[in-house]
PDB file of N, CA and C in Angstrom:
ATOM      1  N   MET A   1      36.546 278.961-224.876  1.00  0.00           N
ATOM      2  CA  MET A   1      36.326 278.831-223.690  1.00  0.00           C
ATOM      3  C   MET A   1      34.822 278.203-223.286  1.00  0.00           C
ATOM      4  N   ILE A   2      34.836 276.722-222.897  1.00  0.00           N
ATOM      5  CA  ILE A   2      33.600 276.003-222.304  1.00  0.00           C
ATOM      6  C   ILE A   2      33.079 276.758-221.214  1.00  0.00           C
ATOM      7  N   ASP A   3      31.877 277.003-220.967  1.00  0.00           N
ATOM      8  CA  ASP A   3      31.149 277.600-219.673  1.00  0.00           C
ATOM      9  C   ASP A   3      30.724 276.125-219.016  1.00  0.00           C
ATOM     10  N   GLN A   4      31.260 275.672-217.980  1.00  0.00           N
ATOM     11  CA  GLN A   4      30.777 274.268-217.830  1.00  0.00           C
ATOM     12  C   GLN A   4      29.720 274.356-216.916  1.00  0.00           C
ATOM     13  N   PRO A   5      29.448 275.352-215.925  1.00  0.00           N
ATOM     14  CA  PRO A   5      27.992 275.486-215.287  1.00  0.00           C
ATOM     15  C   PRO A   5      27.264 275.340-216.433  1.00  0.00           C
ATOM     16  N   ASN A   6      27.008 276.235-217.633  1.00  0.00           N
ATOM     17  CA  ASN A   6      25.918 275.857-218.565  1.00  0.00           C
ATOM     18  C   ASN A   6      25.939 274.516-219.101  1.00  0.00           C
ATOM     19  N   VAL A   7      27.030 273.938-219.435  1.00  0.00           N
ATOM     20  CA  VAL A   7      27.005 272.730-220.031  1.00  0.00           C
ATOM     21  C   VAL A   7      26.501 271.618-218.911  1.00  0.00           C
ATOM     22  N   TRP A   8      26.749 271.744-217.801  1.00  0.00           N
ATOM     23  CA  TRP A   8      25.937 271.047-216.764  1.00  0.00           C
ATOM     24  C   TRP A   8      24.505 271.112-216.619  1.00  0.00           C
ATOM     25  N   ILE A   9      24.031 272.475-216.517  1.00  0.00           N
ATOM     26  CA  ILE A   9      22.562 272.597-216.719  1.00  0.00           C
ATOM     27  C   ILE A   9      22.258 272.202-218.126  1.00  0.00           C
ATOM     28  N   ALA A  10      22.388 272.168-219.205  1.00  0.00           N
ATOM     29  CA  ALA A  10      22.011 271.720-220.282  1.00  0.00           C
ATOM     30  C   ALA A  10      21.798 270.178-220.066  1.00  0.00           C
ATOM     31  N   GLU A  11      22.853 269.682-219.782  1.00  0.00           N
ATOM     32  CA  GLU A  11      22.837 268.114-219.461  1.00  0.00           C
ATOM     33  C   GLU A  11      22.233 267.590-218.447  1.00  0.00           C
ATOM     34  N   HIS A  12      21.437 268.344-217.365  1.00  0.00           N
ATOM     35  CA  HIS A  12      21.294 267.668-216.154  1.00  0.00           C
ATOM     36  C   HIS A  12      19.856 268.240-215.735  1.00  0.00           C
ATOM     37  N   VAL A  13      19.454 269.471-216.388  1.00  0.00           N
ATOM     38  CA  VAL A  13      18.289 270.147-215.936  1.00  0.00           C
ATOM     39  C   VAL A  13      17.202 270.217-217.099  1.00  0.00           C
ATOM     40  N   GLU A  14      15.934 270.218-216.870  1.00  0.00           N
ATOM     41  CA  GLU A  14      15.213 270.497-217.887  1.00  0.00           C
ATOM     42  C   GLU A  14      13.903 270.978-217.077  1.00  0.00           C
ATOM     43  N   GLU A  15      13.294 271.642-218.207  1.00  0.00           N
ATOM     44  CA  GLU A  15      11.807 272.078-217.773  1.00  0.00           C
ATOM     45  C   GLU A  15      10.611 271.204-217.378  1.00  0.00           C
ATOM     46  N   ASN A  16       9.924 271.267-216.515  1.00  0.00           N
ATOM     47  CA  ASN A  16       9.035 270.311-216.345  1.00  0.00           C
ATOM     48  C   ASN A  16       7.937 270.537-217.036  1.00  0.00           C
ATOM     49  N   PRO A  17       7.281 269.503-217.825  1.00  0.00           N
ATOM     50  CA  PRO A  17       6.359 269.848-218.991  1.00  0.00           C
ATOM     51  C   PRO A  17       4.957 270.089-218.145  1.00  0.00           C
ATOM     52  N   GLU A  18       4.857 269.568-217.032  1.00  0.00           N
ATOM     53  CA  GLU A  18       3.384 269.785-216.354  1.00  0.00           C
ATOM     54  C   GLU A  18       3.441 271.224-215.519  1.00  0.00           C
ATOM     55  N   ARG A  19       4.875 271.733-215.385  1.00  0.00           N
ATOM     56  CA  ARG A  19       4.647 272.993-214.592  1.00  0.00           C
ATOM     57  C   ARG A  19       5.858 273.733-215.263  1.00  0.00           C
ATOM     58  N   PRO A  20       5.459 274.459-216.680  1.00  0.00           N
ATOM     59  CA  PRO A  20       6.235 275.119-216.965  1.00  0.00           C
ATOM     60  C   PRO A  20       6.901 276.479-216.016  1.00  0.00           C
ATOM     61  N   GLY A  21       8.230 276.866-216.805  1.00  0.00           N
ATOM     62  CA  GLY A  21       8.813 277.973-215.997  1.00  0.00           C
ATOM     63  C   GLY A  21       9.925 277.617-215.419  1.00  0.00           C
ATOM     64  N   PRO A  22      11.025 278.540-214.982  1.00  0.00           N
ATOM     65  CA  PRO A  22      12.148 278.346-214.310  1.00  0.00           C
ATOM     66  C   PRO A  22      11.824 277.811-212.991  1.00  0.00           C
ATOM     67  N   ALA A  23      10.824 277.966-212.213  1.00  0.00           N
ATOM     68  CA  ALA A  23      10.743 277.826-210.804  1.00  0.00           C
ATOM     69  C   ALA A  23      10.399 276.597-210.589  1.00  0.00           C
ATOM     70  N   TYR A  24       9.974 275.605-211.834  1.00  0.00           N
ATOM     71  CA  TYR A  24       9.627 274.125-211.400  1.00  0.00           C
ATOM     72  C   TYR A  24      10.573 273.486-212.423  1.00  0.00           C
ATOM     73  N   ALA A  25      11.972 273.725-212.773  1.00  0.00           N
ATOM     74  CA  ALA A  25      12.815 273.011-213.324  1.00  0.00           C
ATOM     75  C   ALA A  25      13.255 271.889-212.535  1.00  0.00           C
ATOM     76  N   ARG A  26      13.587 270.738-213.148  1.00  0.00           N
ATOM     77  CA  ARG A  26      13.842 269.694-212.243  1.00  0.00           C
ATOM     78  C   ARG A  26      15.183 268.716-213.047  1.00  0.00           C
ATOM     79  N   LEU A  27      15.549 268.088-211.914  1.00  0.00           N
ATOM     80  CA  LEU A  27      16.785 267.213-212.515  1.00  0.00           C
ATOM     81  C   LEU A  27      16.335 265.989-213.402  1.00  0.00           C
ATOM     82  N   LYS A  28      17.073 266.122-214.580  1.00  0.00           N
ATOM     83  CA  LYS A  28      16.716 264.891-215.588  1.00  0.00           C
ATOM     84  C   LYS A  28      16.828 263.599-215.102  1.00  0.00           C
ATOM     85  N   GLU A  29      18.019 263.429-214.120  1.00  0.00           N
ATOM     86  CA  GLU A  29      18.430 262.034-213.685  1.00  0.00           C
ATOM     87  C   GLU A  29      17.369 261.565-212.703  1.00  0.00           C
ATOM     88  N   SER A  30      16.673 262.384-212.155  1.00  0.00           N
ATOM     89  CA  SER A  30      15.817 261.864-210.797  1.00  0.00           C
ATOM     90  C   SER A  30      14.497 262.504-210.955  1.00  0.00           C
ATOM     91  N   GLY A  31      14.346 263.476-211.675  1.00  0.00           N
ATOM     92  CA  GLY A  31      12.935 264.162-211.777  1.00  0.00           C
ATOM     93  C   GLY A  31      12.612 265.268-210.652  1.00  0.00           C
ATOM     94  N   THR A  32      13.571 265.359-209.634  1.00  0.00           N
ATOM     95  CA  THR A  32      13.516 266.134-208.726  1.00  0.00           C
ATOM     96  C   THR A  32      13.794 267.207-208.729  1.00  0.00           C
ATOM     97  N   ALA A  33      12.634 268.322-208.138  1.00  0.00           N
ATOM     98  CA  ALA A  33      12.669 269.605-208.381  1.00  0.00           C
ATOM     99  C   ALA A  33      14.115 270.294-208.163  1.00  0.00           C
ATOM    100  N   VAL A  34      14.718 271.230-208.786  1.00  0.00           N
ATOM    101  CA  VAL A  34      15.709 271.736-208.483  1.00  0.00           C
ATOM    102  C   VAL A  34      15.506 272.408-206.955  1.00  0.00           C
ATOM    103  N   TRP A  35      14.845 273.096-207.059  1.00  0.00           N
ATOM    104  CA  TRP A  35      14.426 274.073-205.989  1.00  0.00           C
ATOM    105  C   TRP A  35      14.409 272.925-204.312  1.00  0.00           C
ATOM    106  N   ALA A  36      13.890 271.853-204.683  1.00  0.00           N
ATOM    107  CA  ALA A  36      13.835 270.777-203.526  1.00  0.00           C
ATOM    108  C   ALA A  36      15.078 270.377-203.065  1.00  0.00           C
ATOM    109  N   PHE A  37      15.964 269.923-204.122  1.00  0.00           N
ATOM    110  CA  PHE A  37      17.367 269.602-203.972  1.00  0.00           C
ATOM    111  C   PHE A  37      18.087 270.567-203.241  1.00  0.00           C
ATOM    112  N   ILE A  38      17.887 271.834-203.568  1.00  0.00           N
ATOM    113  CA  ILE A  38      18.877 273.117-203.000  1.00  0.00           C
ATOM    114  C   ILE A  38      18.227 273.279-201.628  1.00  0.00           C
ATOM    115  N   GLU A  39      17.028 273.017-201.355  1.00  0.00           N
ATOM    116  CA  GLU A  39      16.666 273.056-199.964  1.00  0.00           C
ATOM    117  C   GLU A  39      17.021 271.885-199.173  1.00  0.00           C
ATOM    118  N   TYR A  40      17.036 270.758-199.743  1.00  0.00           N
ATOM    119  CA  TYR A  40      17.670 269.628-198.940  1.00  0.00           C
ATOM    120  C   TYR A  40      19.221 269.883-198.810  1.00  0.00           C
ATOM    121  N   LEU A  41      19.773 270.436-199.816  1.00  0.00           N
ATOM    122  CA  LEU A  41      21.294 270.675-199.574  1.00  0.00           C
ATOM    123  C   LEU A  41      21.658 271.507-198.584  1.00  0.00           C
ATOM    124  N   GLN A  42      20.798 272.719-198.603  1.00  0.00           N
ATOM    125  CA  GLN A  42      20.891 273.736-197.392  1.00  0.00           C
ATOM    126  C   GLN A  42      20.585 273.407-196.025  1.00  0.00           C
ATOM    127  N   ARG A  43      19.413 272.778-195.920  1.00  0.00           N
ATOM    128  CA  ARG A  43      19.002 272.775-194.656  1.00  0.00           C
ATOM    129  C   ARG A  43      18.978 271.193-193.890  1.00  0.00           C
ATOM    130  N   ALA A  44      19.206 270.093-194.706  1.00  0.00           N
ATOM    131  CA  ALA A  44      19.323 268.808-194.098  1.00  0.00           C
ATOM    132  C   ALA A  44      20.806 268.307-194.079  1.00  0.00           C
ATOM    133  N   VAL A  45      21.665 268.625-195.082  1.00  0.00           N
ATOM    134  CA  VAL A  45      23.084 268.237-194.974  1.00  0.00           C
ATOM    135  C   VAL A  45      23.955 269.207-194.982  1.00  0.00           C
ATOM    136  N   GLY A  46      23.616 270.697-194.649  1.00  0.00           N
ATOM    137  CA  GLY A  46      24.346 271.808-194.417  1.00  0.00           C
ATOM    138  C   GLY A  46      25.423 272.099-195.222  1.00  0.00           C
ATOM    139  N   GLY A  47      24.923 271.901-196.543  1.00  0.00           N
ATOM    140  CA  GLY A  47      25.629 272.351-197.699  1.00  0.00           C
ATOM    141  C   GLY A  47      26.622 271.020-198.252  1.00  0.00           C
ATOM    142  N   ASP A  48      26.612 270.034-197.810  1.00  0.00           N
ATOM    143  CA  ASP A  48      27.597 268.894-198.144  1.00  0.00           C
ATOM    144  C   ASP A  48      26.875 268.220-199.254  1.00  0.00           C
ATOM    145  N   LEU A  49      27.555 268.616-200.399  1.00  0.00           N
ATOM    146  CA  LEU A  49      27.179 268.190-201.692  1.00  0.00           C
ATOM    147  C   LEU A  49      27.286 266.701-201.835  1.00  0.00           C
ATOM    148  N   ALA A  50      28.488 266.206-201.379  1.00  0.00           N
ATOM    149  CA  ALA A  50      28.686 264.771-201.695  1.00  0.00           C
ATOM    150  C   ALA A  50      27.291 263.871-201.181  1.00  0.00           C
ATOM    151  N   GLN A  51      27.169 264.345-199.614  1.00  0.00           N
ATOM    152  CA  GLN A  51      26.033 263.491-199.119  1.00  0.00           C
ATOM    153  C   GLN A  51      24.447 263.680-199.709  1.00  0.00           C
ATOM    154  N   ALA A  52      24.264 265.078-200.383  1.00  0.00           N
ATOM    155  CA  ALA A  52      23.080 265.378-200.936  1.00  0.00           C
ATOM    156  C   ALA A  52      22.702 264.425-202.181  1.00  0.00           C
ATOM    157  N   THR A  53      24.189 264.482-202.969  1.00  0.00           N
ATOM    158  CA  THR A  53      24.135 263.752-204.102  1.00  0.00           C
ATOM    159  C   THR A  53      23.898 262.140-204.075  1.00  0.00           C
ATOM    160  N   ALA A  54      24.418 261.776-202.875  1.00  0.00           N
ATOM    161  CA  ALA A  54      24.380 260.161-202.500  1.00  0.00           C
ATOM    162  C   ALA A  54      22.862 260.102-201.938  1.00  0.00           C
ATOM    163  N   ASP A  55      22.591 260.891-201.138  1.00  0.00           N
ATOM    164  CA  ASP A  55      21.021 260.738-200.788  1.00  0.00           C
ATOM    165  C   ASP A  55      20.040 260.637-201.767  1.00  0.00           C
ATOM    166  N   TYR A  56      20.312 261.691-202.906  1.00  0.00           N
ATOM    167  CA  TYR A  56      19.252 261.651-203.870  1.00  0.00           C
ATOM    168  C   TYR A  56      19.551 260.667-204.969  1.00  0.00           C
ATOM    169  N   GLN A  57      20.745 259.962-204.934  1.00  0.00           N
ATOM    170  CA  GLN A  57      21.210 259.018-205.835  1.00  0.00           C
ATOM    171  C   GLN A  57      21.271 259.700-207.392  1.00  0.00           C
ATOM    172  N   ILE A  58      21.939 260.783-207.404  1.00  0.00           N
ATOM    173  CA  ILE A  58      22.233 261.518-208.640  1.00  0.00           C
ATOM    174  C   ILE A  58      24.029 261.768-208.704  1.00  0.00           C
ATOM    175  N   SER A  59      24.297 262.169-209.712  1.00  0.00           N
ATOM    176  CA  SER A  59      25.670 262.362-210.105  1.00  0.00           C
ATOM    177  C   SER A  59      25.992 263.564-209.258  1.00  0.00           C
ATOM    178  N   SER A  60      27.288 263.789-209.041  1.00  0.00           N
ATOM    179  CA  SER A  60      27.956 265.080-208.484  1.00  0.00           C
ATOM    180  C   SER A  60      27.700 266.238-209.356  1.00  0.00           C
ATOM    181  N   GLU A  61      27.914 265.857-210.878  1.00  0.00           N
ATOM    182  CA  GLU A  61      27.486 266.900-211.835  1.00  0.00           C
ATOM    183  C   GLU A  61      26.267 267.355-211.962  1.00  0.00           C
ATOM    184  N   ALA A  62      25.196 266.449-211.696  1.00  0.00           N
ATOM    185  CA  ALA A  62      23.875 266.875-211.523  1.00  0.00           C
ATOM    186  C   ALA A  62      23.766 267.805-210.447  1.00  0.00           C
ATOM    187  N   GLY A  63      24.242 267.595-209.152  1.00  0.00           N
ATOM    188  CA  GLY A  63      24.293 268.146-208.162  1.00  0.00           C
ATOM    189  C   GLY A  63      24.844 269.810-208.485  1.00  0.00           C
ATOM    190  N   GLN A  64      25.837 269.703-209.102  1.00  0.00           N
ATOM    191  CA  GLN A  64      26.726 271.020-209.409  1.00  0.00           C
ATOM    192  C   GLN A  64      25.475 271.850-210.576  1.00  0.00           C
ATOM    193  N   ALA A  65      25.037 271.070-211.306  1.00  0.00           N
ATOM    194  CA  ALA A  65      24.106 271.709-212.378  1.00  0.00           C
ATOM    195  C   ALA A  65      22.999 272.247-211.608  1.00  0.00           C
ATOM    196  N   ALA A  66      22.477 271.810-210.563  1.00  0.00           N
ATOM    197  CA  ALA A  66      21.212 272.237-210.012  1.00  0.00           C
ATOM    198  C   ALA A  66      21.657 273.448-208.843  1.00  0.00           C
ATOM    199  N   ILE A  67      22.706 273.592-208.517  1.00  0.00           N
ATOM    200  CA  ILE A  67      23.596 274.646-207.843  1.00  0.00           C
ATOM    201  C   ILE A  67      23.525 275.923-208.897  1.00  0.00           C
ATOM    202  N   ALA A  68      24.261 275.404-209.890  1.00  0.00           N
ATOM    203  CA  ALA A  68      24.456 276.654-211.115  1.00  0.00           C
ATOM    204  C   ALA A  68      23.176 277.035-211.411  1.00  0.00           C
ATOM    205  N   TYR A  69      22.168 276.259-211.575  1.00  0.00           N
ATOM    206  CA  TYR A  69      20.834 276.692-212.155  1.00  0.00           C
ATOM    207  C   TYR A  69      20.224 277.587-211.120  1.00  0.00           C
ATOM    208  N   TYR A  70      20.143 277.130-209.667  1.00  0.00           N
ATOM    209  CA  TYR A  70      19.652 277.763-208.876  1.00  0.00           C
ATOM    210  C   TYR A  70      20.001 279.373-208.488  1.00  0.00           C
TER     211      TYR A  70
END
């Protein structure tokens, strides 16, 4: 059985070489810090993943990866 969230994380999240550590992980597609995307998702669009991914111009899968990582 494949653990889909871990596959998404591996494909879409990377460590920031300038700021190592899990707190500064970023989305490969956009370079956006995972915490910043999650903050936007929660506060600006009230959890609307489709809106947040559209606003950040990232794939839905990348958004799911950010949620799983966070």
